[in-house]
C-alpha atoms as a PDB file:
ATOM      1  CA  UNK A   1     -84.285   8.930  56.063  1.00  0.00           C
ATOM      2  CA  UNK A   2     -80.919   8.960  58.030  1.00  0.00           C
ATOM      3  CA  UNK A   3     -77.997  11.456  58.895  1.00  0.00           C
ATOM      4  CA  UNK A   4     -74.831  10.777  60.721  1.00  0.00           C
ATOM      5  CA  UNK A   5     -71.750  12.692  61.574  1.00  0.00           C
ATOM      6  CA  UNK A   6     -68.456  12.628  63.610  1.00  0.00           C
ATOM      7  CA  UNK A   7     -68.552  12.558  67.200  1.00  0.00           C
ATOM      8  CA  UNK A   8     -69.253  16.140  67.766  1.00  0.00           C
ATOM      9  CA  UNK A   9     -72.117  16.239  65.623  1.00  0.00           C
ATOM     10  CA  UNK A  10     -74.771  14.897  67.939  1.00  0.00           C
ATOM     11  CA  UNK A  11     -77.325  17.526  68.159  1.00  0.00           C
ATOM     12  CA  UNK A  12     -76.899  18.824  64.873  1.00  0.00           C
ATOM     13  CA  UNK A  13     -77.505  15.441  63.565  1.00  0.00           C
ATOM     14  CA  UNK A  14     -81.179  15.504  65.339  1.00  0.00           C
ATOM     15  CA  UNK A  15     -81.857  19.249  64.522  1.00  0.00           C
ATOM     16  CA  UNK A  16     -81.209  17.729  60.982  1.00  0.00           C
ATOM     17  CA  UNK A  17     -83.829  15.258  61.047  1.00  0.00           C
ATOM     18  CA  UNK A  18     -86.294  17.482  62.882  1.00  0.00           C
ATOM     19  CA  UNK A  19     -85.836  19.576  60.028  1.00  0.00           C
ATOM     20  CA  UNK A  20     -86.072  16.977  57.130  1.00  0.00           C
ATOM     21  CA  UNK A  21     -89.520  16.099  59.207  1.00  0.00           C
ATOM     22  CA  UNK A  22     -90.206  19.516  58.473  1.00  0.00           C
ATOM     23  CA  UNK A  23     -89.869  19.099  54.596  1.00  0.00           C
ATOM     24  CA  UNK A  24     -87.049  21.265  54.589  1.00  0.00           C
ATOM     25  CA  UNK A  25     -84.194  20.894  51.655  1.00  0.00           C
ATOM     26  CA  UNK A  26     -81.933  17.891  52.251  1.00  0.00           C
ATOM     27  CA  UNK A  27     -78.773  20.266  52.113  1.00  0.00           C
ATOM     28  CA  UNK A  28     -80.389  23.201  53.875  1.00  0.00           C
ATOM     29  CA  UNK A  29     -81.166  20.778  56.534  1.00  0.00           C
ATOM     30  CA  UNK A  30     -77.508  19.976  56.842  1.00  0.00           C
ATOM     31  CA  UNK A  31     -76.093  23.309  57.223  1.00  0.00           C
ATOM     32  CA  UNK A  32     -78.847  24.292  59.793  1.00  0.00           C
ATOM     33  CA  UNK A  33     -77.264  21.173  61.565  1.00  0.00           C
ATOM     34  CA  UNK A  34     -73.528  21.886  61.170  1.00  0.00           C
ATOM     35  CA  UNK A  35     -74.277  25.737  62.364  1.00  0.00           C
ATOM     36  CA  UNK A  36     -75.562  24.456  65.321  1.00  0.00           C
ATOM     37  CA  UNK A  37     -71.507  23.279  66.078  1.00  0.00           C
ATOM     38  CA  UNK A  38     -70.494  26.204  64.154  1.00  0.00           C
ATOM     39  CA  UNK A  39     -72.391  28.695  67.346  1.00  0.00           C
ATOM     40  CA  UNK A  40     -70.778  26.224  70.065  1.00  0.00           C
ATOM     41  CA  UNK A  41     -67.972  28.547  71.940  1.00  0.00           C
ATOM     42  CA  UNK A  42     -66.695  25.084  73.856  1.00  0.00           C
ATOM     43  CA  UNK A  43     -66.060  22.966  69.943  1.00  0.00           C
ATOM     44  CA  UNK A  44     -62.987  24.412  69.844  1.00  0.00           C
ATOM     45  CA  UNK A  45     -62.132  22.438  66.392  1.00  0.00           C
ATOM     46  CA  UNK A  46     -65.227  24.724  64.815  1.00  0.00           C
ATOM     47  CA  UNK A  47     -66.628  27.991  64.076  1.00  0.00           C
ATOM     48  CA  UNK A  48     -66.704  30.392  66.874  1.00  0.00           C
ATOM     49  CA  UNK A  49     -64.022  29.438  70.099  1.00  0.00           C
ATOM     50  CA  UNK A  50     -62.151  27.732  67.312  1.00  0.00           C
ATOM     51  CA  UNK A  51     -58.678  27.203  68.164  1.00  0.00           C
ATOM     52  CA  UNK A  52     -56.340  30.023  66.366  1.00  0.00           C
ATOM     53  CA  UNK A  53     -53.730  29.564  63.727  1.00  0.00           C
ATOM     54  CA  UNK A  54     -49.579  29.875  65.330  1.00  0.00           C
ATOM     55  CA  UNK A  55     -50.012  33.554  64.743  1.00  0.00           C
ATOM     56  CA  UNK A  56     -53.477  33.822  67.339  1.00  0.00           C
ATOM     57  CA  UNK A  57     -55.996  34.578  63.941  1.00  0.00           C
ATOM     58  CA  UNK A  58     -59.249  32.083  63.321  1.00  0.00           C
ATOM     59  CA  UNK A  59     -59.389  31.083  59.831  1.00  0.00           C
ATOM     60  CA  UNK A  60     -62.328  28.724  59.012  1.00  0.00           C
ATOM     61  CA  UNK A  61     -62.964  26.319  56.168  1.00  0.00           C
ATOM     62  CA  UNK A  62     -65.999  24.799  54.824  1.00  0.00           C
ATOM     63  CA  UNK A  63     -67.405  22.758  51.677  1.00  0.00           C
ATOM     64  CA  UNK A  64     -70.743  21.829  51.353  1.00  0.00           C
ATOM     65  CA  UNK A  65     -71.798  19.219  48.007  1.00  0.00           C
ATOM     66  CA  UNK A  66     -75.624  18.151  46.833  1.00  0.00           C
ATOM     67  CA  UNK A  67     -75.967  14.463  45.772  1.00  0.00           C
ATOM     68  CA  UNK A  68     -79.084  15.397  43.958  1.00  0.00           C
ATOM     69  CA  UNK A  69     -77.177  18.417  41.885  1.00  0.00           C
ATOM     70  CA  UNK A  70     -73.778  17.209  41.706  1.00  0.00           C
ATOM     71  CA  UNK A  71     -73.041  20.781  42.769  1.00  0.00           C
ATOM     72  CA  UNK A  72     -70.849  21.959  45.725  1.00  0.00           C
ATOM     73  CA  UNK A  73     -69.498  25.006  47.454  1.00  0.00           C
ATOM     74  CA  UNK A  74     -65.927  25.559  49.548  1.00  0.00           C
ATOM     75  CA  UNK A  75     -64.887  28.366  51.574  1.00  0.00           C
ATOM     76  CA  UNK A  76     -61.041  28.211  52.727  1.00  0.00           C
ATOM     77  CA  UNK A  77     -59.719  30.546  54.977  1.00  0.00           C
ATOM     78  CA  UNK A  78     -62.619  32.984  55.773  1.00  0.00           C
ATOM     79  CA  UNK A  79     -61.989  35.118  58.734  1.00  0.00           C
ATOM     80  CA  UNK A  80     -64.888  36.913  60.458  1.00  0.00           C
ATOM     81  CA  UNK A  81     -67.323  34.922  60.073  1.00  0.00           C
ATOM     82  CA  UNK A  82     -68.489  31.998  62.412  1.00  0.00           C
ATOM     83  CA  UNK A  83     -71.224  30.495  59.968  1.00  0.00           C
ATOM     84  CA  UNK A  84     -68.788  29.229  57.090  1.00  0.00           C
ATOM     85  CA  UNK A  85     -70.619  26.236  56.210  1.00  0.00           C
ATOM     86  CA  UNK A  86     -73.720  28.824  54.975  1.00  0.00           C
ATOM     87  CA  UNK A  87     -71.380  30.736  53.099  1.00  0.00           C
ATOM     88  CA  UNK A  88     -70.390  27.468  51.206  1.00  0.00           C
ATOM     89  CA  UNK A  89     -73.990  27.262  51.051  1.00  0.00           C
ATOM     90  CA  UNK A  90     -74.596  30.264  49.593  1.00  0.00           C
ATOM     91  CA  UNK A  91     -71.456  30.301  46.884  1.00  0.00           C
ATOM     92  CA  UNK A  92     -73.234  26.968  45.292  1.00  0.00           C
ATOM     93  CA  UNK A  93     -76.833  28.151  44.984  1.00  0.00           C
ATOM     94  CA  UNK A  94     -75.958  31.701  44.088  1.00  0.00           C
ATOM     95  CA  UNK A  95     -72.505  31.592  41.731  1.00  0.00           C
ATOM     96  CA  UNK A  96     -70.919  29.357  39.095  1.00  0.00           C
ATOM     97  CA  UNK A  97     -67.563  29.269  41.044  1.00  0.00           C
ATOM     98  CA  UNK A  98     -66.846  26.477  43.230  1.00  0.00           C
ATOM     99  CA  UNK A  99     -64.140  27.520  45.641  1.00  0.00           C
ATOM    100  CA  UNK A 100     -63.223  30.923  47.316  1.00  0.00           C
ATOM    101  CA  UNK A 101     -60.507  31.526  49.491  1.00  0.00           C
ATOM    102  CA  UNK A 102     -58.894  34.395  51.546  1.00  0.00           C
ATOM    103  CA  UNK A 103     -60.533  38.027  50.708  1.00  0.00           C
ATOM    104  CA  UNK A 104     -62.273  36.832  47.921  1.00  0.00           C
ATOM    105  CA  UNK A 105     -64.098  34.562  50.474  1.00  0.00           C
ATOM    106  CA  UNK A 106     -64.239  37.565  53.082  1.00  0.00           C
ATOM    107  CA  UNK A 107     -65.591  39.776  50.767  1.00  0.00           C
ATOM    108  CA  UNK A 108     -68.208  37.552  49.378  1.00  0.00           C
ATOM    109  CA  UNK A 109     -69.204  37.252  52.670  1.00  0.00           C
ATOM    110  CA  UNK A 110     -69.993  40.949  52.939  1.00  0.00           C
ATOM    111  CA  UNK A 111     -71.820  40.871  49.727  1.00  0.00           C
ATOM    112  CA  UNK A 112     -74.179  38.197  51.559  1.00  0.00           C
ATOM    113  CA  UNK A 113     -74.547  40.619  54.327  1.00  0.00           C
ATOM    114  CA  UNK A 114     -72.800  37.947  56.916  1.00  0.00           C
ATOM    115  CA  UNK A 115     -72.403  39.322  60.002  1.00  0.00           C
ATOM    116  CA  UNK A 116     -68.606  40.446  60.963  1.00  0.00           C
ATOM    117  CA  UNK A 117     -67.623  39.682  64.704  1.00  0.00           C
ATOM    118  CA  UNK A 118     -64.324  38.278  66.787  1.00  0.00           C
ATOM    119  CA  UNK A 119     -64.114  34.694  66.325  1.00  0.00           C
ATOM    120  CA  UNK A 120     -61.013  34.355  69.125  1.00  0.00           C
ATOM    121  CA  UNK A 121     -63.305  33.330  72.505  1.00  0.00           C
ATOM    122  CA  UNK A 122     -61.600  34.491  75.356  1.00  0.00           C
ATOM    123  CA  UNK A 123     -61.235  30.470  76.253  1.00  0.00           C
ATOM    124  CA  UNK A 124     -59.576  30.242  72.976  1.00  0.00           C
ATOM    125  CA  UNK A 125     -57.244  32.919  73.421  1.00  0.00           C
ATOM    126  CA  UNK A 126     -55.687  31.586  76.420  1.00  0.00           C
ATOM    127  CA  UNK A 127     -55.437  28.214  75.070  1.00  0.00           C
ATOM    128  CA  UNK A 128     -53.648  29.503  72.431  1.00  0.00           C
ATOM    129  CA  UNK A 129     -51.147  31.694  74.854  1.00  0.00           C
ATOM    130  CA  UNK A 130     -50.425  28.965  76.945  1.00  0.00           C
ATOM    131  CA  UNK A 131     -49.727  26.236  73.886  1.00  0.00           C
ATOM    132  CA  UNK A 132     -47.314  29.674  73.256  1.00  0.00           C
ATOM    133  CA  UNK A 133     -45.551  29.904  76.541  1.00  0.00           C
ATOM    134  CA  UNK A 134     -45.529  25.438  77.310  1.00  0.00           C
ATOM    135  CA  UNK A 135     -45.409  23.906  73.594  1.00  0.00           C
ATOM    136  CA  UNK A 136     -43.561  26.189  71.422  1.00  0.00           C
ATOM    137  CA  UNK A 137     -39.812  26.474  71.194  1.00  0.00           C
ATOM    138  CA  UNK A 138     -39.332  29.435  72.149  1.00  0.00           C
ATOM    139  CA  UNK A 139     -37.500  31.198  74.642  1.00  0.00           C
ATOM    140  CA  UNK A 140     -39.097  34.142  74.682  1.00  0.00           C
ATOM    141  CA  UNK A 141     -41.504  33.092  76.705  1.00  0.00           C
ATOM    142  CA  UNK A 142     -41.747  32.635  80.730  1.00  0.00           C
ATOM    143  CA  UNK A 143     -43.712  29.144  81.997  1.00  0.00           C
ATOM    144  CA  UNK A 144     -47.508  29.601  83.194  1.00  0.00           C
ATOM    145  CA  UNK A 145     -48.015  30.122  86.912  1.00  0.00           C
ATOM    146  CA  UNK A 146     -48.902  27.113  88.458  1.00  0.00           C
ATOM    147  CA  UNK A 147     -52.341  27.722  89.245  1.00  0.00           C
ATOM    148  CA  UNK A 148     -55.772  26.094  89.252  1.00  0.00           C
ATOM    149  CA  UNK A 149     -56.447  27.645  85.495  1.00  0.00           C
ATOM    150  CA  UNK A 150     -53.631  26.537  84.251  1.00  0.00           C
ATOM    151  CA  UNK A 151     -53.800  23.367  84.882  1.00  0.00           C
ATOM    152  CA  UNK A 152     -57.490  23.030  84.133  1.00  0.00           C
ATOM    153  CA  UNK A 153     -56.577  24.732  80.661  1.00  0.00           C
ATOM    154  CA  UNK A 154     -53.383  22.241  80.428  1.00  0.00           C
ATOM    155  CA  UNK A 155     -55.887  19.213  80.221  1.00  0.00           C
ATOM    156  CA  UNK A 156     -57.676  20.479  77.645  1.00  0.00           C
ATOM    157  CA  UNK A 157     -54.639  21.723  75.570  1.00  0.00           C
ATOM    158  CA  UNK A 158     -53.263  18.263  75.896  1.00  0.00           C
ATOM    159  CA  UNK A 159     -55.990  16.919  74.165  1.00  0.00           C
ATOM    160  CA  UNK A 160     -55.927  19.181  71.503  1.00  0.00           C
ATOM    161  CA  UNK A 161     -51.996  18.969  71.232  1.00  0.00           C
ATOM    162  CA  UNK A 162     -52.307  14.903  70.571  1.00  0.00           C
ATOM    163  CA  UNK A 163     -55.191  14.845  68.628  1.00  0.00           C
ATOM    164  CA  UNK A 164     -54.792  18.700  66.733  1.00  0.00           C
ATOM    165  CA  UNK A 165     -57.163  18.225  64.125  1.00  0.00           C
ATOM    166  CA  UNK A 166     -60.577  18.844  64.548  1.00  0.00           C
ATOM    167  CA  UNK A 167     -63.622  18.712  62.242  1.00  0.00           C
ATOM    168  CA  UNK A 168     -67.314  18.398  62.057  1.00  0.00           C
ATOM    169  CA  UNK A 169     -68.863  16.445  59.110  1.00  0.00           C
ATOM    170  CA  UNK A 170     -72.378  15.375  58.686  1.00  0.00           C
ATOM    171  CA  UNK A 171     -74.245  13.883  56.132  1.00  0.00           C
ATOM    172  CA  UNK A 172     -78.076  13.018  55.279  1.00  0.00           C
ATOM    173  CA  UNK A 173     -80.651  11.080  53.393  1.00  0.00           C
ATOM    174  CA  UNK A 174     -83.823  12.432  52.721  1.00  0.00           C
ATOM    175  CA  UNK A 175     -87.079  10.675  52.031  1.00  0.00           C
ATOM    176  CA  UNK A 176     -86.554  10.935  47.836  1.00  0.00           C
ATOM    177  CA  UNK A 177     -82.944   8.672  48.936  1.00  0.00           C
ATOM    178  CA  UNK A 178     -81.150  11.585  47.980  1.00  0.00           C
ATOM    179  CA  UNK A 179     -77.735  12.220  49.444  1.00  0.00           C
ATOM    180  CA  UNK A 180     -75.663  15.390  51.019  1.00  0.00           C
ATOM    181  CA  UNK A 181     -72.990  16.660  52.787  1.00  0.00           C
ATOM    182  CA  UNK A 182     -71.138  18.848  54.830  1.00  0.00           C
ATOM    183  CA  UNK A 183     -67.891  19.696  56.623  1.00  0.00           C
ATOM    184  CA  UNK A 184     -66.631  22.414  58.511  1.00  0.00           C
ATOM    185  CA  UNK A 185     -63.704  23.137  60.711  1.00  0.00           C
ATOM    186  CA  UNK A 186     -61.339  25.674  62.245  1.00  0.00           C
ATOM    187  CA  UNK A 187     -58.347  23.559  60.692  1.00  0.00           C
ATOM    188  CA  UNK A 188     -55.282  22.223  62.957  1.00  0.00           C
ATOM    189  CA  UNK A 189     -55.275  24.266  66.202  1.00  0.00           C
ATOM    190  CA  UNK A 190     -52.231  26.503  66.227  1.00  0.00           C
ATOM    191  CA  UNK A 191     -51.868  25.673  62.387  1.00  0.00           C
ATOM    192  CA  UNK A 192     -48.898  27.061  60.394  1.00  0.00           C
ATOM    193  CA  UNK A 193     -50.693  30.534  58.790  1.00  0.00           C
ATOM    194  CA  UNK A 194     -52.005  29.828  55.275  1.00  0.00           C
ATOM    195  CA  UNK A 195     -52.538  25.804  56.137  1.00  0.00           C
ATOM    196  CA  UNK A 196     -55.313  24.316  54.394  1.00  0.00           C
ATOM    197  CA  UNK A 197     -56.509  20.541  54.925  1.00  0.00           C
ATOM    198  CA  UNK A 198     -59.284  18.284  53.523  1.00  0.00           C
ATOM    199  CA  UNK A 199     -61.826  19.627  54.933  1.00  0.00           C
ATOM    200  CA  UNK A 200     -63.000  21.734  52.303  1.00  0.00           C
ATOM    201  CA  UNK A 201     -61.711  19.777  49.347  1.00  0.00           C
ATOM    202  CA  UNK A 202     -63.961  18.042  47.532  1.00  0.00           C
ATOM    203  CA  UNK A 203     -62.940  14.147  47.421  1.00  0.00           C
ATOM    204  CA  UNK A 204     -61.070  14.566  50.373  1.00  0.00           C
ATOM    205  CA  UNK A 205     -62.600  15.896  53.758  1.00  0.00           C
ATOM    206  CA  UNK A 206     -66.254  15.075  51.880  1.00  0.00           C
ATOM    207  CA  UNK A 207     -67.629  13.839  48.513  1.00  0.00           C
ATOM    208  CA  UNK A 208     -71.094  12.282  47.423  1.00  0.00           C
ATOM    209  CA  UNK A 209     -72.815  10.988  44.204  1.00  0.00           C
ATOM    210  CA  UNK A 210     -75.894  10.215  44.726  1.00  0.00           C
ATOM    211  CA  UNK A 211     -76.048   7.019  43.272  1.00  0.00           C
ATOM    212  CA  UNK A 212     -73.491   5.477  45.028  1.00  0.00           C
ATOM    213  CA  UNK A 213     -73.157   7.049  48.245  1.00  0.00           C
ATOM    214  CA  UNK A 214     -71.141  10.129  50.660  1.00  0.00           C
ATOM    215  CA  UNK A 215     -68.094   9.965  52.692  1.00  0.00           C
ATOM    216  CA  UNK A 216     -66.536  12.643  54.671  1.00  0.00           C
ATOM    217  CA  UNK A 217     -63.497  12.803  56.963  1.00  0.00           C
ATOM    218  CA  UNK A 218     -62.032  13.786  60.451  1.00  0.00           C
ATOM    219  CA  UNK A 219     -58.567  13.853  61.643  1.00  0.00           C
ATOM    220  CA  UNK A 220     -54.999  13.763  59.959  1.00  0.00           C
ATOM    221  CA  UNK A 221     -56.181  16.290  56.926  1.00  0.00           C
ATOM    222  CA  UNK A 222     -52.618  15.698  54.985  1.00  0.00           C
ATOM    223  CA  UNK A 223     -53.343  12.109  54.472  1.00  0.00           C
ATOM    224  CA  UNK A 224     -56.787  12.498  53.492  1.00  0.00           C
ATOM    225  CA  UNK A 225     -56.015  15.074  50.422  1.00  0.00           C
ATOM    226  CA  UNK A 226     -53.023  12.711  49.294  1.00  0.00           C
ATOM    227  CA  UNK A 227     -55.518   9.654  48.917  1.00  0.00           C
ATOM    228  CA  UNK A 228     -58.708  11.170  48.038  1.00  0.00           C
ATOM    229  CA  UNK A 229     -59.905   8.961  50.837  1.00  0.00           C
ATOM    230  CA  UNK A 230     -63.589  10.375  50.480  1.00  0.00           C
ATOM    231  CA  UNK A 231     -63.874   9.795  46.670  1.00  0.00           C
ATOM    232  CA  UNK A 232     -62.284   6.476  46.856  1.00  0.00           C
ATOM    233  CA  UNK A 233     -64.671   5.242  49.092  1.00  0.00           C
ATOM    234  CA  UNK A 234     -67.979   6.247  47.459  1.00  0.00           C
ATOM    235  CA  UNK A 235     -66.587   4.893  44.444  1.00  0.00           C
ATOM    236  CA  UNK A 236     -66.045   1.834  46.163  1.00  0.00           C
ATOM    237  CA  UNK A 237     -69.406   1.933  47.444  1.00  0.00           C
ATOM    238  CA  UNK A 238     -70.751   2.467  43.976  1.00  0.00           C
ATOM    239  CA  UNK A 239     -68.861  -0.942  43.287  1.00  0.00           C
ATOM    240  CA  UNK A 240     -71.004  -2.640  45.576  1.00  0.00           C
ATOM    241  CA  UNK A 241     -68.672  -2.478  48.816  1.00  0.00           C
ATOM    242  CA  UNK A 242     -70.392  -2.218  51.945  1.00  0.00           C
ATOM    243  CA  UNK A 243     -69.776   1.209  53.647  1.00  0.00           C
ATOM    244  CA  UNK A 244     -67.966  -0.537  56.485  1.00  0.00           C
ATOM    245  CA  UNK A 245     -65.458  -2.246  53.641  1.00  0.00           C
ATOM    246  CA  UNK A 246     -65.368   0.467  51.662  1.00  0.00           C
ATOM    247  CA  UNK A 247     -64.097   2.755  54.400  1.00  0.00           C
ATOM    248  CA  UNK A 248     -61.501   0.028  55.276  1.00  0.00           C
ATOM    249  CA  UNK A 249     -60.071   0.095  51.863  1.00  0.00           C
ATOM    250  CA  UNK A 250     -60.117   3.558  51.853  1.00  0.00           C
ATOM    251  CA  UNK A 251     -58.107   3.122  55.472  1.00  0.00           C
ATOM    252  CA  UNK A 252     -56.087   0.968  54.243  1.00  0.00           C
ATOM    253  CA  UNK A 253     -54.542   2.660  51.252  1.00  0.00           C
ATOM    254  CA  UNK A 254     -54.076   5.796  53.544  1.00  0.00           C
ATOM    255  CA  UNK A 255     -51.731   3.527  55.779  1.00  0.00           C
ATOM    256  CA  UNK A 256     -50.152   1.867  52.708  1.00  0.00           C
ATOM    257  CA  UNK A 257     -48.796   5.457  51.983  1.00  0.00           C
ATOM    258  CA  UNK A 258     -48.138   6.751  54.867  1.00  0.00           C
ATOM    259  CA  UNK A 259     -44.733   8.051  55.262  1.00  0.00           C
ATOM    260  CA  UNK A 260     -41.356   7.346  57.270  1.00  0.00           C
ATOM    261  CA  UNK A 261     -41.723  10.335  59.512  1.00  0.00           C
ATOM    262  CA  UNK A 262     -45.559   9.180  60.212  1.00  0.00           C
ATOM    263  CA  UNK A 263     -45.280   5.559  61.536  1.00  0.00           C
ATOM    264  CA  UNK A 264     -44.722   3.728  64.464  1.00  0.00           C
ATOM    265  CA  UNK A 265     -42.230   1.186  65.594  1.00  0.00           C
ATOM    266  CA  UNK A 266     -44.358  -1.248  63.956  1.00  0.00           C
ATOM    267  CA  UNK A 267     -45.059   0.509  60.593  1.00  0.00           C
ATOM    268  CA  UNK A 268     -48.359   1.215  61.135  1.00  0.00           C
ATOM    269  CA  UNK A 269     -49.476   5.248  60.659  1.00  0.00           C
ATOM    270  CA  UNK A 270     -48.935   7.324  63.872  1.00  0.00           C
ATOM    271  CA  UNK A 271     -52.084   9.644  62.590  1.00  0.00           C
ATOM    272  CA  UNK A 272     -55.621   9.608  63.438  1.00  0.00           C
ATOM    273  CA  UNK A 273     -58.143   9.302  60.555  1.00  0.00           C
ATOM    274  CA  UNK A 274     -61.746   9.273  60.830  1.00  0.00           C
ATOM    275  CA  UNK A 275     -64.337   7.991  57.600  1.00  0.00           C
ATOM    276  CA  UNK A 276     -68.161   8.335  57.909  1.00  0.00           C
ATOM    277  CA  UNK A 277     -69.623   6.565  55.419  1.00  0.00           C
ATOM    278  CA  UNK A 278     -73.703   6.737  54.277  1.00  0.00           C
ATOM    279  CA  UNK A 279     -74.720   4.446  51.220  1.00  0.00           C
ATOM    280  CA  UNK A 280     -77.416   4.864  49.024  1.00  0.00           C
ATOM    281  CA  UNK A 281     -79.536   1.859  50.177  1.00  0.00           C
ATOM    282  CA  UNK A 282     -79.187   3.787  53.878  1.00  0.00           C
ATOM    283  CA  UNK A 283     -76.498   1.636  55.630  1.00  0.00           C
ATOM    284  CA  UNK A 284     -74.110   3.504  57.027  1.00  0.00           C
ATOM    285  CA  UNK A 285     -70.412   3.092  58.970  1.00  0.00           C
ATOM    286  CA  UNK A 286     -67.965   5.174  60.703  1.00  0.00           C
ATOM    287  CA  UNK A 287     -64.096   3.665  60.432  1.00  0.00           C
ATOM    288  CA  UNK A 288     -61.059   4.872  61.733  1.00  0.00           C
ATOM    289  CA  UNK A 289     -57.229   4.377  61.568  1.00  0.00           C
ATOM    290  CA  UNK A 290     -56.823   3.439  65.226  1.00  0.00           C
ATOM    291  CA  UNK A 291     -58.281   4.266  68.490  1.00  0.00           C
ATOM    292  CA  UNK A 292     -61.851   4.534  70.608  1.00  0.00           C
ATOM    293  CA  UNK A 293     -64.249   6.946  68.184  1.00  0.00           C
ATOM    294  CA  UNK A 294     -67.352   7.553  68.093  1.00  0.00           C
ATOM    295  CA  UNK A 295     -69.919   9.103  65.591  1.00  0.00           C
ATOM    296  CA  UNK A 296     -73.351  10.445  65.583  1.00  0.00           C
ATOM    297  CA  UNK A 297     -76.443   8.747  64.060  1.00  0.00           C
ATOM    298  CA  UNK A 298     -80.214   9.997  63.765  1.00  0.00           C
ATOM    299  CA  UNK A 299     -82.773   7.835  61.906  1.00  0.00           C
ATOM    300  CA  UNK A 300     -85.643   6.174  63.045  1.00  0.00           C
ATOM    301  CA  UNK A 301     -84.166   4.425  65.868  1.00  0.00           C
ATOM    302  CA  UNK A 302     -83.355   7.199  67.495  1.00  0.00           C
ATOM    303  CA  UNK A 303     -79.767   9.345  68.114  1.00  0.00           C
ATOM    304  CA  UNK A 304     -77.597   7.588  69.506  1.00  0.00           C
ATOM    305  CA  UNK A 305     -73.350   7.522  69.255  1.00  0.00           C
ATOM    306  CA  UNK A 306     -71.507   4.595  67.780  1.00  0.00           C
ATOM    307  CA  UNK A 307     -68.523   3.162  67.635  1.00  0.00           C
ATOM    308  CA  UNK A 308     -66.163   3.494  64.681  1.00  0.00           C
ATOM    309  CA  UNK A 309     -64.407   0.261  63.337  1.00  0.00           C
ATOM    310  CA  UNK A 310     -60.433   0.834  63.762  1.00  0.00           C
ATOM    311  CA  UNK A 311     -57.885  -0.606  61.067  1.00  0.00           C
ATOM    312  CA  UNK A 312     -55.633  -0.975  64.081  1.00  0.00           C
ATOM    313  CA  UNK A 313     -56.661  -2.136  67.429  1.00  0.00           C
ATOM    314  CA  UNK A 314     -54.863  -1.032  70.517  1.00  0.00           C
ATOM    315  CA  UNK A 315     -51.830  -3.590  71.329  1.00  0.00           C
END
């Protein structure tokens, strides 16, 4: 057995592992792990406490995929329901459909009895308002006060402004060797209303084939969408590549296709992208476009962070 996740999923991998030891179904266990992150108000890229779109509304996306059955469920633009990954699982289990968005997703959540709540926490609201007063090109707003609260919020805001994409991805392999994965997000912080990233899209934000492996992503969703990175990496593992090599090949393809406005002076992509890979044989890897990123692992050796291998290293 093994569970891997993005850097923010360390406790989620541990919970999923514990549930697998109790013989919980693999995908159910993975979703419960992700729900732990969706519940965290200090994780501003997922679920309750996620940062809103440019108009101050929190909308959530998620997808689940089961390697054993090769079925999945995807929810896009969900409002006022925090456990979007659980709703994606319900869609997979109860419907012939694969994807619901917007009003249809919200109506499905109500039909399933999911509680309705305001997802915009006070801290997320303050960050959104601070963004409008500092980074948005708009002469309507006066500068924020130079007090201690503003300084503390600016540190958080600067981190998100430099790396605006946020997500949790988790994948697992059970004692039978079956594979499953989940991705959940509140999307690009302060995103254009209606924007959809890679997270809820099969083959981009996540993908699994039970006889090959699984791959999921975090980072610049547009680059991942245009290159179907997760689909590519899984098929490369199916052709015999290691998780590390398959991830690097997928990363190189995204780099080759980077548009002129998304490269630095050396022609390298200036965006962040991470892939998390788990092969059928139980081997795993984390790779990234650039930077010092971690990912989470729980297996028989314990729970830990490991380092993603970058395609482009620091100068």
